[in-house]
């Protein structure tokens, strides 16, 4: 169920929401309280080694337990996307990155504890100086360095947004004018 569907009563005055009201914003007919619902924001980063392989994690928990994903997670309130990407990489695989470049954004739906969150996933590419120190940490079952062109398919990725991002990365890597992505 989407977050707005959990708001049956006004959080300010307690008046019941009228049937058929629009999802966003929530507007209380009684007191005028207005609440906008928007997407949660998350980052995911394709980290490349010098040999061209990319770091993928296997998710340790649902949703999508056991599926492949680039390291990433939700952006905290007040946090820049770039800082969240660096933090999530440290928390999940223990790496510090040396470069970070925006790749693309895709929408997603993340189902967790009976709520389906609309998410805007921001994808980056990056490099690290010490790829061999990567390890499975927070919410990571295991990790692997795979050839992004031939070692992984979009269907192996945890979420549709990640499938789209991998497809875009693969397209960019196949372009003859692409000298090097981060």
C-alpha atoms as a PDB file:
ATOM      1  CA  UNK A   1       0.000   0.000   0.000  1.00  0.00           C
ATOM      2  CA  UNK A   2       1.375   3.430  -0.927  1.00  0.00           C
ATOM      3  CA  UNK A   3       2.218   5.806   1.966  1.00  0.00           C
ATOM      4  CA  UNK A   4      -0.675   8.216   1.303  1.00  0.00           C
ATOM      5  CA  UNK A   5      -3.199   5.390   1.724  1.00  0.00           C
ATOM      6  CA  UNK A   6      -2.181   5.094   5.395  1.00  0.00           C
ATOM      7  CA  UNK A   7      -3.464   8.620   6.061  1.00  0.00           C
ATOM      8  CA  UNK A   8      -7.170   8.067   6.643  1.00  0.00           C
ATOM      9  CA  UNK A   9      -7.340  10.720   9.356  1.00  0.00           C
ATOM     10  CA  UNK A  10      -5.894  14.208   9.433  1.00  0.00           C
ATOM     11  CA  UNK A  11      -2.738  14.142  11.589  1.00  0.00           C
ATOM     12  CA  UNK A  12      -3.599  17.615  12.937  1.00  0.00           C
ATOM     13  CA  UNK A  13      -7.334  17.513  13.753  1.00  0.00           C
ATOM     14  CA  UNK A  14      -8.291  13.855  13.280  1.00  0.00           C
ATOM     15  CA  UNK A  15     -11.022  14.428  10.674  1.00  0.00           C
ATOM     16  CA  UNK A  16     -11.563  11.457   8.338  1.00  0.00           C
ATOM     17  CA  UNK A  17     -10.311  11.897   4.799  1.00  0.00           C
ATOM     18  CA  UNK A  18     -13.090  12.016   2.229  1.00  0.00           C
ATOM     19  CA  UNK A  19     -13.440   9.040  -0.129  1.00  0.00           C
ATOM     20  CA  UNK A  20     -11.916   9.613  -3.545  1.00  0.00           C
ATOM     21  CA  UNK A  21      -9.592  12.429  -2.473  1.00  0.00           C
ATOM     22  CA  UNK A  22      -6.429  12.727  -4.523  1.00  0.00           C
ATOM     23  CA  UNK A  23      -3.293  11.036  -3.297  1.00  0.00           C
ATOM     24  CA  UNK A  24      -1.045  14.052  -3.093  1.00  0.00           C
ATOM     25  CA  UNK A  25      -1.278  16.387  -1.485  1.00  0.00           C
ATOM     26  CA  UNK A  26      -3.392  15.299   1.479  1.00  0.00           C
ATOM     27  CA  UNK A  27      -5.710  18.211   2.266  1.00  0.00           C
ATOM     28  CA  UNK A  28      -7.928  18.182   5.315  1.00  0.00           C
ATOM     29  CA  UNK A  29     -11.377  19.632   4.641  1.00  0.00           C
ATOM     30  CA  UNK A  30     -11.717  20.383   8.358  1.00  0.00           C
ATOM     31  CA  UNK A  31      -8.596  22.340   9.320  1.00  0.00           C
ATOM     32  CA  UNK A  32      -6.828  22.890   5.983  1.00  0.00           C
ATOM     33  CA  UNK A  33      -3.737  20.878   6.939  1.00  0.00           C
ATOM     34  CA  UNK A  34      -1.829  19.989   3.762  1.00  0.00           C
ATOM     35  CA  UNK A  35       0.763  17.237   3.435  1.00  0.00           C
ATOM     36  CA  UNK A  36       2.627  16.530   0.199  1.00  0.00           C
ATOM     37  CA  UNK A  37       3.726  12.974  -0.556  1.00  0.00           C
ATOM     38  CA  UNK A  38       6.781  12.524  -2.705  1.00  0.00           C
ATOM     39  CA  UNK A  39       9.282   9.850  -3.567  1.00  0.00           C
ATOM     40  CA  UNK A  40      11.923   8.623  -1.174  1.00  0.00           C
ATOM     41  CA  UNK A  41      15.398   9.128  -2.618  1.00  0.00           C
ATOM     42  CA  UNK A  42      18.164   6.562  -2.879  1.00  0.00           C
ATOM     43  CA  UNK A  43      21.589   6.165  -4.446  1.00  0.00           C
ATOM     44  CA  UNK A  44      23.391   3.228  -6.026  1.00  0.00           C
ATOM     45  CA  UNK A  45      26.934   3.273  -7.390  1.00  0.00           C
ATOM     46  CA  UNK A  46      28.656   1.136 -10.017  1.00  0.00           C
ATOM     47  CA  UNK A  47      32.259   0.999  -8.748  1.00  0.00           C
ATOM     48  CA  UNK A  48      34.777   0.030 -11.455  1.00  0.00           C
ATOM     49  CA  UNK A  49      38.208  -1.468 -11.014  1.00  0.00           C
ATOM     50  CA  UNK A  50      41.083  -0.768 -13.376  1.00  0.00           C
ATOM     51  CA  UNK A  51      40.368  -4.070 -15.188  1.00  0.00           C
ATOM     52  CA  UNK A  52      36.833  -2.833 -15.994  1.00  0.00           C
ATOM     53  CA  UNK A  53      34.982  -5.142 -13.595  1.00  0.00           C
ATOM     54  CA  UNK A  54      32.186  -3.640 -11.483  1.00  0.00           C
ATOM     55  CA  UNK A  55      31.382  -4.367  -7.846  1.00  0.00           C
ATOM     56  CA  UNK A  56      28.003  -5.984  -7.211  1.00  0.00           C
ATOM     57  CA  UNK A  57      26.573  -7.044  -3.882  1.00  0.00           C
ATOM     58  CA  UNK A  58      24.088  -9.826  -3.150  1.00  0.00           C
ATOM     59  CA  UNK A  59      21.351  -8.454  -0.940  1.00  0.00           C
ATOM     60  CA  UNK A  60      21.158 -10.141   2.475  1.00  0.00           C
ATOM     61  CA  UNK A  61      17.551  -9.115   3.154  1.00  0.00           C
ATOM     62  CA  UNK A  62      14.214  -8.681   1.493  1.00  0.00           C
ATOM     63  CA  UNK A  63      13.068  -7.117  -0.625  1.00  0.00           C
ATOM     64  CA  UNK A  64      15.018  -8.909  -3.347  1.00  0.00           C
ATOM     65  CA  UNK A  65      17.139 -11.010  -0.988  1.00  0.00           C
ATOM     66  CA  UNK A  66      19.952 -12.782  -2.871  1.00  0.00           C
ATOM     67  CA  UNK A  67      19.627 -10.572  -5.954  1.00  0.00           C
ATOM     68  CA  UNK A  68      22.447  -8.440  -7.374  1.00  0.00           C
ATOM     69  CA  UNK A  69      22.717  -4.704  -6.791  1.00  0.00           C
ATOM     70  CA  UNK A  70      25.340  -1.983  -6.853  1.00  0.00           C
ATOM     71  CA  UNK A  71      26.133  -0.713  -3.333  1.00  0.00           C
ATOM     72  CA  UNK A  72      23.635   1.916  -2.255  1.00  0.00           C
ATOM     73  CA  UNK A  73      20.725   2.898  -0.089  1.00  0.00           C
ATOM     74  CA  UNK A  74      18.377   5.636   1.033  1.00  0.00           C
ATOM     75  CA  UNK A  75      19.417   9.264   1.330  1.00  0.00           C
ATOM     76  CA  UNK A  76      18.961  10.683   4.826  1.00  0.00           C
ATOM     77  CA  UNK A  77      17.042  13.918   5.381  1.00  0.00           C
ATOM     78  CA  UNK A  78      19.417  16.835   4.873  1.00  0.00           C
ATOM     79  CA  UNK A  79      22.046  14.685   3.149  1.00  0.00           C
ATOM     80  CA  UNK A  80      23.385  15.386  -0.336  1.00  0.00           C
ATOM     81  CA  UNK A  81      23.056  12.500  -2.803  1.00  0.00           C
ATOM     82  CA  UNK A  82      26.831  12.395  -3.329  1.00  0.00           C
ATOM     83  CA  UNK A  83      27.452  12.164   0.422  1.00  0.00           C
ATOM     84  CA  UNK A  84      24.817   9.427   0.750  1.00  0.00           C
ATOM     85  CA  UNK A  85      26.475   7.439  -2.040  1.00  0.00           C
ATOM     86  CA  UNK A  86      29.855   7.648  -0.289  1.00  0.00           C
ATOM     87  CA  UNK A  87      28.313   6.763   3.097  1.00  0.00           C
ATOM     88  CA  UNK A  88      26.402   3.767   1.712  1.00  0.00           C
ATOM     89  CA  UNK A  89      29.547   2.457  -0.010  1.00  0.00           C
ATOM     90  CA  UNK A  90      31.461   2.687   3.287  1.00  0.00           C
ATOM     91  CA  UNK A  91      28.616   1.014   5.212  1.00  0.00           C
ATOM     92  CA  UNK A  92      28.007  -1.831   2.749  1.00  0.00           C
ATOM     93  CA  UNK A  93      31.450  -2.685   1.357  1.00  0.00           C
ATOM     94  CA  UNK A  94      33.991  -0.650   3.374  1.00  0.00           C
ATOM     95  CA  UNK A  95      35.446   1.265   0.432  1.00  0.00           C
ATOM     96  CA  UNK A  96      36.357   4.899  -0.058  1.00  0.00           C
ATOM     97  CA  UNK A  97      35.838   6.126  -3.602  1.00  0.00           C
ATOM     98  CA  UNK A  98      38.082   8.458  -5.570  1.00  0.00           C
ATOM     99  CA  UNK A  99      35.601   9.718  -8.111  1.00  0.00           C
ATOM    100  CA  UNK A 100      31.848   9.929  -8.379  1.00  0.00           C
ATOM    101  CA  UNK A 101      29.916  10.773 -11.541  1.00  0.00           C
ATOM    102  CA  UNK A 102      26.179  10.896 -12.067  1.00  0.00           C
ATOM    103  CA  UNK A 103      24.896   8.244 -14.469  1.00  0.00           C
ATOM    104  CA  UNK A 104      21.083   8.538 -14.465  1.00  0.00           C
ATOM    105  CA  UNK A 105      17.940   8.441 -12.362  1.00  0.00           C
ATOM    106  CA  UNK A 106      15.084   5.957 -12.547  1.00  0.00           C
ATOM    107  CA  UNK A 107      11.902   5.503 -10.566  1.00  0.00           C
ATOM    108  CA  UNK A 108      11.272   2.442  -8.470  1.00  0.00           C
ATOM    109  CA  UNK A 109       8.845   0.950  -5.955  1.00  0.00           C
ATOM    110  CA  UNK A 110      10.254  -0.451  -2.719  1.00  0.00           C
ATOM    111  CA  UNK A 111       7.947  -2.740  -0.744  1.00  0.00           C
ATOM    112  CA  UNK A 112       8.806  -2.876   2.963  1.00  0.00           C
ATOM    113  CA  UNK A 113       6.592  -3.884   5.911  1.00  0.00           C
ATOM    114  CA  UNK A 114       3.242  -3.473   4.127  1.00  0.00           C
ATOM    115  CA  UNK A 115       4.145  -0.099   2.610  1.00  0.00           C
ATOM    116  CA  UNK A 116       5.144   0.380  -1.026  1.00  0.00           C
ATOM    117  CA  UNK A 117       7.382   3.431  -1.205  1.00  0.00           C
ATOM    118  CA  UNK A 118       7.774   5.325  -4.455  1.00  0.00           C
ATOM    119  CA  UNK A 119      11.520   5.876  -4.861  1.00  0.00           C
ATOM    120  CA  UNK A 120      13.705   8.008  -7.079  1.00  0.00           C
ATOM    121  CA  UNK A 121      16.964   6.079  -7.500  1.00  0.00           C
ATOM    122  CA  UNK A 122      20.028   8.138  -8.413  1.00  0.00           C
ATOM    123  CA  UNK A 123      22.762   6.073 -10.061  1.00  0.00           C
ATOM    124  CA  UNK A 124      26.453   6.954 -10.110  1.00  0.00           C
ATOM    125  CA  UNK A 125      29.723   5.494 -11.360  1.00  0.00           C
ATOM    126  CA  UNK A 126      32.891   5.602  -9.283  1.00  0.00           C
ATOM    127  CA  UNK A 127      36.388   4.215  -8.792  1.00  0.00           C
ATOM    128  CA  UNK A 128      38.387   3.244  -5.733  1.00  0.00           C
ATOM    129  CA  UNK A 129      42.127   3.020  -5.156  1.00  0.00           C
ATOM    130  CA  UNK A 130      41.912  -0.181  -3.081  1.00  0.00           C
ATOM    131  CA  UNK A 131      39.268  -2.462  -4.613  1.00  0.00           C
ATOM    132  CA  UNK A 132      40.736  -5.590  -2.997  1.00  0.00           C
ATOM    133  CA  UNK A 133      39.730  -4.326   0.453  1.00  0.00           C
ATOM    134  CA  UNK A 134      35.992  -4.537  -0.356  1.00  0.00           C
ATOM    135  CA  UNK A 135      34.112  -6.737   2.091  1.00  0.00           C
ATOM    136  CA  UNK A 136      30.526  -7.724   2.861  1.00  0.00           C
ATOM    137  CA  UNK A 137      29.198  -5.489   5.626  1.00  0.00           C
ATOM    138  CA  UNK A 138      25.755  -4.002   6.377  1.00  0.00           C
ATOM    139  CA  UNK A 139      22.899  -5.915   4.666  1.00  0.00           C
ATOM    140  CA  UNK A 140      25.320  -7.559   2.215  1.00  0.00           C
ATOM    141  CA  UNK A 141      25.261 -11.348   1.816  1.00  0.00           C
ATOM    142  CA  UNK A 142      28.302 -11.399  -0.473  1.00  0.00           C
ATOM    143  CA  UNK A 143      30.013  -9.362  -3.157  1.00  0.00           C
ATOM    144  CA  UNK A 144      31.542 -10.038  -6.527  1.00  0.00           C
ATOM    145  CA  UNK A 145      33.450  -8.160  -9.210  1.00  0.00           C
ATOM    146  CA  UNK A 146      31.796  -8.851 -12.563  1.00  0.00           C
ATOM    147  CA  UNK A 147      32.364  -7.768 -16.133  1.00  0.00           C
ATOM    148  CA  UNK A 148      29.464  -5.336 -16.644  1.00  0.00           C
ATOM    149  CA  UNK A 149      29.135  -6.258 -20.324  1.00  0.00           C
ATOM    150  CA  UNK A 150      29.308 -10.048 -20.193  1.00  0.00           C
ATOM    151  CA  UNK A 151      29.274 -11.112 -16.542  1.00  0.00           C
ATOM    152  CA  UNK A 152      25.838  -9.860 -15.504  1.00  0.00           C
ATOM    153  CA  UNK A 153      22.461  -9.392 -17.163  1.00  0.00           C
ATOM    154  CA  UNK A 154      19.801  -6.833 -16.238  1.00  0.00           C
ATOM    155  CA  UNK A 155      17.451  -9.661 -15.200  1.00  0.00           C
ATOM    156  CA  UNK A 156      19.803 -10.573 -12.342  1.00  0.00           C
ATOM    157  CA  UNK A 157      19.423  -7.147 -10.732  1.00  0.00           C
ATOM    158  CA  UNK A 158      17.290  -6.621  -7.617  1.00  0.00           C
ATOM    159  CA  UNK A 159      14.918  -3.921  -8.906  1.00  0.00           C
ATOM    160  CA  UNK A 160      13.646  -2.609 -12.270  1.00  0.00           C
ATOM    161  CA  UNK A 161      15.443   0.707 -11.745  1.00  0.00           C
ATOM    162  CA  UNK A 162      18.729  -1.188 -11.353  1.00  0.00           C
ATOM    163  CA  UNK A 163      17.990  -3.187 -14.486  1.00  0.00           C
ATOM    164  CA  UNK A 164      17.511   0.072 -16.404  1.00  0.00           C
ATOM    165  CA  UNK A 165      20.684   1.589 -14.920  1.00  0.00           C
ATOM    166  CA  UNK A 166      22.753  -1.487 -15.793  1.00  0.00           C
ATOM    167  CA  UNK A 167      21.375  -1.441 -19.338  1.00  0.00           C
ATOM    168  CA  UNK A 168      22.351   2.227 -19.664  1.00  0.00           C
ATOM    169  CA  UNK A 169      25.817   1.547 -18.242  1.00  0.00           C
ATOM    170  CA  UNK A 170      26.271  -1.298 -20.719  1.00  0.00           C
ATOM    171  CA  UNK A 171      25.196   0.960 -23.596  1.00  0.00           C
ATOM    172  CA  UNK A 172      27.684   3.643 -22.528  1.00  0.00           C
ATOM    173  CA  UNK A 173      30.501   1.109 -22.191  1.00  0.00           C
ATOM    174  CA  UNK A 174      29.798  -0.198 -25.711  1.00  0.00           C
ATOM    175  CA  UNK A 175      30.017   3.271 -27.273  1.00  0.00           C
ATOM    176  CA  UNK A 176      33.349   3.629 -29.071  1.00  0.00           C
ATOM    177  CA  UNK A 177      33.614   7.274 -27.980  1.00  0.00           C
ATOM    178  CA  UNK A 178      33.439   6.335 -24.296  1.00  0.00           C
ATOM    179  CA  UNK A 179      37.073   6.476 -23.292  1.00  0.00           C
ATOM    180  CA  UNK A 180      36.473   5.763 -19.634  1.00  0.00           C
ATOM    181  CA  UNK A 181      33.598   6.026 -17.202  1.00  0.00           C
ATOM    182  CA  UNK A 182      34.439   6.886 -13.600  1.00  0.00           C
END
